Amino acid sequence: MKKGILILAGIFAMTVVSCKENASKKVKEENVGIAAERDEQNKDLPVMTFEETEYDFGTINEGDVVEHVFKFTNTGKAPLVIVSAKGSCGCTVPEWPKQPIAPGDSGEMLVKFNSNGKPNLQNKQVTITTNTQAGKEILKIKAMVTPKAQPASGTPVSK
């Protein structure tokens, strides 16, 4: 047993010592230039700056359809393109500008929330796919939904 441990320790020590080469010698000079150029180009990306990224509808009644407009500005140096925007469920529907937003220009994203069948506290989000550095932006909405009144038991429900 002791021999096995000593052999494993020896192999481990040899492995550590053999990998002690200088990593900077392995970097190709041409790759350094390519990386610097790529980093310089990343400075020219669009930036989607929102006035607010979260909105609370407060208390609403089940069945209400509410909406909020999120305003944003392209504070970057290239046109902003919104590829898609999706709600976290079918009850949250975003509408966004389909044309590119020039640097310095503003836009709006309308988010509609249908509270039908969604009683109690609701937290939803909209994921926006863009050509920004992160590639995704997130908007959040929430609402306290008051449930519909249920008929008393034994009372027939009219159609």
C-alpha atoms as a PDB file:
ATOM      1  CA  MET A   1       0.000   0.000   0.000  1.00  0.00           C
ATOM      2  CA  LYS A   2       2.818   2.391   0.921  1.00  0.00           C
ATOM      3  CA  LYS A   3       4.630   1.583  -2.322  1.00  0.00           C
ATOM      4  CA  GLY A   4       1.495   2.441  -4.322  1.00  0.00           C
ATOM      5  CA  ILE A   5       1.165   5.815  -2.605  1.00  0.00           C
ATOM      6  CA  LEU A   6       4.862   6.572  -3.126  1.00  0.00           C
ATOM      7  CA  ILE A   7       4.637   5.663  -6.814  1.00  0.00           C
ATOM      8  CA  LEU A   8       1.562   7.915  -7.293  1.00  0.00           C
ATOM      9  CA  ALA A   9       3.290  10.766  -5.450  1.00  0.00           C
ATOM     10  CA  GLY A  10       6.341  10.376  -7.688  1.00  0.00           C
ATOM     11  CA  ILE A  11       4.248  10.427 -10.860  1.00  0.00           C
ATOM     12  CA  PHE A  12       2.381  13.519  -9.621  1.00  0.00           C
ATOM     13  CA  ALA A  13       5.650  15.320  -8.821  1.00  0.00           C
ATOM     14  CA  MET A  14       7.065  14.514 -12.260  1.00  0.00           C
ATOM     15  CA  THR A  15       3.894  15.781 -13.934  1.00  0.00           C
ATOM     16  CA  VAL A  16       3.994  19.098 -12.049  1.00  0.00           C
ATOM     17  CA  VAL A  17       7.687  19.647 -12.782  1.00  0.00           C
ATOM     18  CA  SER A  18       7.405  18.736 -16.476  1.00  0.00           C
ATOM     19  CA  CYS A  19       4.611  21.322 -17.077  1.00  0.00           C
ATOM     20  CA  LYS A  20       6.730  24.170 -15.773  1.00  0.00           C
ATOM     21  CA  GLU A  21       7.384  25.688 -19.212  1.00  0.00           C
ATOM     22  CA  ASN A  22       6.969  29.417 -19.699  1.00  0.00           C
ATOM     23  CA  ALA A  23       3.448  29.911 -21.100  1.00  0.00           C
ATOM     24  CA  SER A  24       4.338  33.232 -22.735  1.00  0.00           C
ATOM     25  CA  LYS A  25       6.681  31.387 -25.119  1.00  0.00           C
ATOM     26  CA  LYS A  26       3.694  29.454 -26.489  1.00  0.00           C
ATOM     27  CA  VAL A  27       1.748  32.591 -27.527  1.00  0.00           C
ATOM     28  CA  LYS A  28       2.007  33.313 -31.239  1.00  0.00           C
ATOM     29  CA  GLU A  29       2.754  36.944 -32.041  1.00  0.00           C
ATOM     30  CA  GLU A  30       0.177  37.004 -34.874  1.00  0.00           C
ATOM     31  CA  ASN A  31      -2.588  35.989 -32.431  1.00  0.00           C
ATOM     32  CA  VAL A  32      -1.731  38.930 -30.166  1.00  0.00           C
ATOM     33  CA  GLY A  33      -2.368  41.332 -33.064  1.00  0.00           C
ATOM     34  CA  ILE A  34      -5.646  39.628 -33.982  1.00  0.00           C
ATOM     35  CA  ALA A  35      -6.862  39.824 -30.363  1.00  0.00           C
ATOM     36  CA  ALA A  36      -5.937  43.519 -30.119  1.00  0.00           C
ATOM     37  CA  GLU A  37      -7.829  44.271 -33.335  1.00  0.00           C
ATOM     38  CA  ARG A  38     -10.882  42.343 -32.105  1.00  0.00           C
ATOM     39  CA  ASP A  39     -10.843  44.219 -28.788  1.00  0.00           C
ATOM     40  CA  GLU A  40     -10.628  47.550 -30.629  1.00  0.00           C
ATOM     41  CA  GLN A  41     -13.660  46.644 -32.774  1.00  0.00           C
ATOM     42  CA  ASN A  42     -15.674  45.719 -29.665  1.00  0.00           C
ATOM     43  CA  LYS A  43     -15.502  49.365 -28.586  1.00  0.00           C
ATOM     44  CA  ASP A  44     -17.680  50.241 -31.592  1.00  0.00           C
ATOM     45  CA  LEU A  45     -20.680  48.114 -30.565  1.00  0.00           C
ATOM     46  CA  PRO A  46     -24.141  49.485 -29.802  1.00  0.00           C
ATOM     47  CA  VAL A  47     -25.158  49.913 -26.171  1.00  0.00           C
ATOM     48  CA  MET A  48     -28.833  49.579 -25.203  1.00  0.00           C
ATOM     49  CA  THR A  49     -29.380  51.954 -22.265  1.00  0.00           C
ATOM     50  CA  PHE A  50     -32.836  51.776 -20.663  1.00  0.00           C
ATOM     51  CA  GLU A  51     -34.468  54.489 -18.551  1.00  0.00           C
ATOM     52  CA  GLU A  52     -35.652  51.578 -16.367  1.00  0.00           C
ATOM     53  CA  THR A  53     -35.324  47.806 -16.620  1.00  0.00           C
ATOM     54  CA  GLU A  54     -37.998  46.857 -14.063  1.00  0.00           C
ATOM     55  CA  TYR A  55     -41.625  47.902 -13.713  1.00  0.00           C
ATOM     56  CA  ASP A  56     -44.178  47.120 -11.002  1.00  0.00           C
ATOM     57  CA  PHE A  57     -47.830  47.251 -12.107  1.00  0.00           C
ATOM     58  CA  GLY A  58     -48.883  47.191  -8.451  1.00  0.00           C
ATOM     59  CA  THR A  59     -52.165  45.429  -7.602  1.00  0.00           C
ATOM     60  CA  ILE A  60     -54.362  44.492 -10.566  1.00  0.00           C
ATOM     61  CA  ASN A  61     -57.418  42.260 -10.962  1.00  0.00           C
ATOM     62  CA  GLU A  62     -57.170  38.816 -12.515  1.00  0.00           C
ATOM     63  CA  GLY A  63     -58.153  39.126 -16.173  1.00  0.00           C
ATOM     64  CA  ASP A  64     -56.734  42.645 -16.600  1.00  0.00           C
ATOM     65  CA  VAL A  65     -54.413  43.213 -19.545  1.00  0.00           C
ATOM     66  CA  VAL A  66     -51.857  45.868 -18.621  1.00  0.00           C
ATOM     67  CA  GLU A  67     -48.956  47.315 -20.572  1.00  0.00           C
ATOM     68  CA  HIS A  68     -45.849  49.398 -20.022  1.00  0.00           C
ATOM     69  CA  VAL A  69     -43.468  51.167 -22.400  1.00  0.00           C
ATOM     70  CA  PHE A  70     -39.745  50.720 -21.691  1.00  0.00           C
ATOM     71  CA  LYS A  71     -37.758  53.569 -23.282  1.00  0.00           C
ATOM     72  CA  PHE A  72     -34.152  53.088 -24.352  1.00  0.00           C
ATOM     73  CA  THR A  73     -31.350  54.905 -26.146  1.00  0.00           C
ATOM     74  CA  ASN A  74     -28.514  53.525 -28.228  1.00  0.00           C
ATOM     75  CA  THR A  75     -25.545  55.052 -26.385  1.00  0.00           C
ATOM     76  CA  GLY A  76     -23.026  53.026 -28.407  1.00  0.00           C
ATOM     77  CA  LYS A  77     -21.148  53.784 -31.612  1.00  0.00           C
ATOM     78  CA  ALA A  78     -22.933  51.410 -34.024  1.00  0.00           C
ATOM     79  CA  PRO A  79     -26.558  50.834 -35.088  1.00  0.00           C
ATOM     80  CA  LEU A  80     -28.553  48.774 -32.570  1.00  0.00           C
ATOM     81  CA  VAL A  81     -30.449  45.811 -34.011  1.00  0.00           C
ATOM     82  CA  ILE A  82     -33.040  43.994 -31.923  1.00  0.00           C
ATOM     83  CA  VAL A  83     -33.202  40.471 -33.308  1.00  0.00           C
ATOM     84  CA  SER A  84     -35.983  39.225 -31.036  1.00  0.00           C
ATOM     85  CA  ALA A  85     -37.736  39.730 -27.711  1.00  0.00           C
ATOM     86  CA  LYS A  86     -39.510  36.951 -25.838  1.00  0.00           C
ATOM     87  CA  GLY A  87     -41.566  36.890 -22.680  1.00  0.00           C
ATOM     88  CA  SER A  88     -40.968  34.252 -20.022  1.00  0.00           C
ATOM     89  CA  CYS A  89     -44.466  32.891 -20.717  1.00  0.00           C
ATOM     90  CA  GLY A  90     -47.312  33.401 -23.171  1.00  0.00           C
ATOM     91  CA  CYS A  91     -48.945  35.973 -20.903  1.00  0.00           C
ATOM     92  CA  THR A  92     -46.073  38.446 -21.446  1.00  0.00           C
ATOM     93  CA  VAL A  93     -45.848  39.819 -24.988  1.00  0.00           C
ATOM     94  CA  PRO A  94     -43.259  42.388 -26.120  1.00  0.00           C
ATOM     95  CA  GLU A  95     -43.385  44.631 -29.194  1.00  0.00           C
ATOM     96  CA  TRP A  96     -40.133  46.200 -30.414  1.00  0.00           C
ATOM     97  CA  PRO A  97     -38.839  48.332 -33.289  1.00  0.00           C
ATOM     98  CA  LYS A  98     -37.796  46.204 -36.248  1.00  0.00           C
ATOM     99  CA  GLN A  99     -35.545  48.823 -37.871  1.00  0.00           C
ATOM    100  CA  PRO A 100     -31.993  49.521 -36.577  1.00  0.00           C
ATOM    101  CA  ILE A 101     -31.636  52.281 -33.985  1.00  0.00           C
ATOM    102  CA  ALA A 102     -28.810  54.673 -34.925  1.00  0.00           C
ATOM    103  CA  PRO A 103     -26.260  55.768 -32.303  1.00  0.00           C
ATOM    104  CA  GLY A 104     -27.794  58.501 -30.156  1.00  0.00           C
ATOM    105  CA  ASP A 105     -31.367  57.653 -31.212  1.00  0.00           C
ATOM    106  CA  SER A 106     -34.060  56.316 -28.902  1.00  0.00           C
ATOM    107  CA  GLY A 107     -36.686  53.624 -29.151  1.00  0.00           C
ATOM    108  CA  GLU A 108     -39.484  52.021 -27.175  1.00  0.00           C
ATOM    109  CA  MET A 109     -40.406  48.477 -26.258  1.00  0.00           C
ATOM    110  CA  LEU A 110     -44.033  47.844 -25.336  1.00  0.00           C
ATOM    111  CA  VAL A 111     -44.622  44.960 -22.903  1.00  0.00           C
ATOM    112  CA  LYS A 112     -48.165  43.639 -22.415  1.00  0.00           C
ATOM    113  CA  PHE A 113     -49.119  41.367 -19.517  1.00  0.00           C
ATOM    114  CA  ASN A 114     -52.366  39.353 -19.496  1.00  0.00           C
ATOM    115  CA  SER A 115     -53.236  38.410 -15.910  1.00  0.00           C
ATOM    116  CA  ASN A 116     -56.018  35.962 -16.832  1.00  0.00           C
ATOM    117  CA  GLY A 117     -55.424  32.743 -14.866  1.00  0.00           C
ATOM    118  CA  LYS A 118     -52.453  34.288 -13.040  1.00  0.00           C
ATOM    119  CA  PRO A 119     -53.561  35.002  -9.453  1.00  0.00           C
ATOM    120  CA  ASN A 120     -51.157  36.179  -6.712  1.00  0.00           C
ATOM    121  CA  LEU A 121     -47.668  37.681  -7.151  1.00  0.00           C
ATOM    122  CA  GLN A 122     -46.361  37.474 -10.712  1.00  0.00           C
ATOM    123  CA  ASN A 123     -42.743  38.092 -11.726  1.00  0.00           C
ATOM    124  CA  LYS A 124     -42.096  37.937 -15.476  1.00  0.00           C
ATOM    125  CA  GLN A 125     -39.223  38.894 -17.723  1.00  0.00           C
ATOM    126  CA  VAL A 126     -38.550  39.727 -21.337  1.00  0.00           C
ATOM    127  CA  THR A 127     -35.294  38.528 -22.885  1.00  0.00           C
ATOM    128  CA  ILE A 128     -34.095  40.755 -25.719  1.00  0.00           C
ATOM    129  CA  THR A 129     -31.597  39.377 -28.242  1.00  0.00           C
ATOM    130  CA  THR A 130     -29.491  42.196 -29.717  1.00  0.00           C
ATOM    131  CA  ASN A 131     -26.157  42.955 -31.337  1.00  0.00           C
ATOM    132  CA  THR A 132     -24.789  44.496 -28.117  1.00  0.00           C
ATOM    133  CA  GLN A 133     -21.646  43.154 -26.475  1.00  0.00           C
ATOM    134  CA  ALA A 134     -23.648  40.970 -24.056  1.00  0.00           C
ATOM    135  CA  GLY A 135     -26.015  39.858 -26.821  1.00  0.00           C
ATOM    136  CA  LYS A 136     -28.968  39.741 -24.420  1.00  0.00           C
ATOM    137  CA  GLU A 137     -30.782  42.344 -22.349  1.00  0.00           C
ATOM    138  CA  ILE A 138     -33.402  41.604 -19.671  1.00  0.00           C
ATOM    139  CA  LEU A 139     -36.523  43.565 -18.701  1.00  0.00           C
ATOM    140  CA  LYS A 140     -38.601  42.604 -15.657  1.00  0.00           C
ATOM    141  CA  ILE A 141     -42.222  43.232 -14.727  1.00  0.00           C
ATOM    142  CA  LYS A 142     -44.230  42.272 -11.691  1.00  0.00           C
ATOM    143  CA  ALA A 143     -47.786  42.547 -10.451  1.00  0.00           C
ATOM    144  CA  MET A 144     -49.889  41.448  -7.513  1.00  0.00           C
ATOM    145  CA  VAL A 145     -52.937  39.882  -9.157  1.00  0.00           C
ATOM    146  CA  THR A 146     -56.144  39.809  -7.095  1.00  0.00           C
ATOM    147  CA  PRO A 147     -57.936  36.506  -7.859  1.00  0.00           C
ATOM    148  CA  LYS A 148     -61.419  36.533  -9.347  1.00  0.00           C
ATOM    149  CA  ALA A 149     -64.220  35.927  -6.864  1.00  0.00           C
ATOM    150  CA  GLN A 150     -65.142  32.237  -6.829  1.00  0.00           C
ATOM    151  CA  PRO A 151     -68.853  31.261  -6.704  1.00  0.00           C
ATOM    152  CA  ALA A 152     -70.011  29.962  -3.342  1.00  0.00           C
ATOM    153  CA  SER A 153     -70.136  26.160  -3.180  1.00  0.00           C
ATOM    154  CA  GLY A 154     -73.516  24.725  -4.043  1.00  0.00           C
ATOM    155  CA  THR A 155     -74.435  27.795  -6.094  1.00  0.00           C
ATOM    156  CA  PRO A 156     -75.079  26.898  -9.743  1.00  0.00           C
ATOM    157  CA  VAL A 157     -72.928  28.733 -12.229  1.00  0.00           C
ATOM    158  CA  SER A 158     -74.943  30.323 -15.065  1.00  0.00           C
ATOM    159  CA  LYS A 159     -73.634  30.147 -18.631  1.00  0.00           C
END
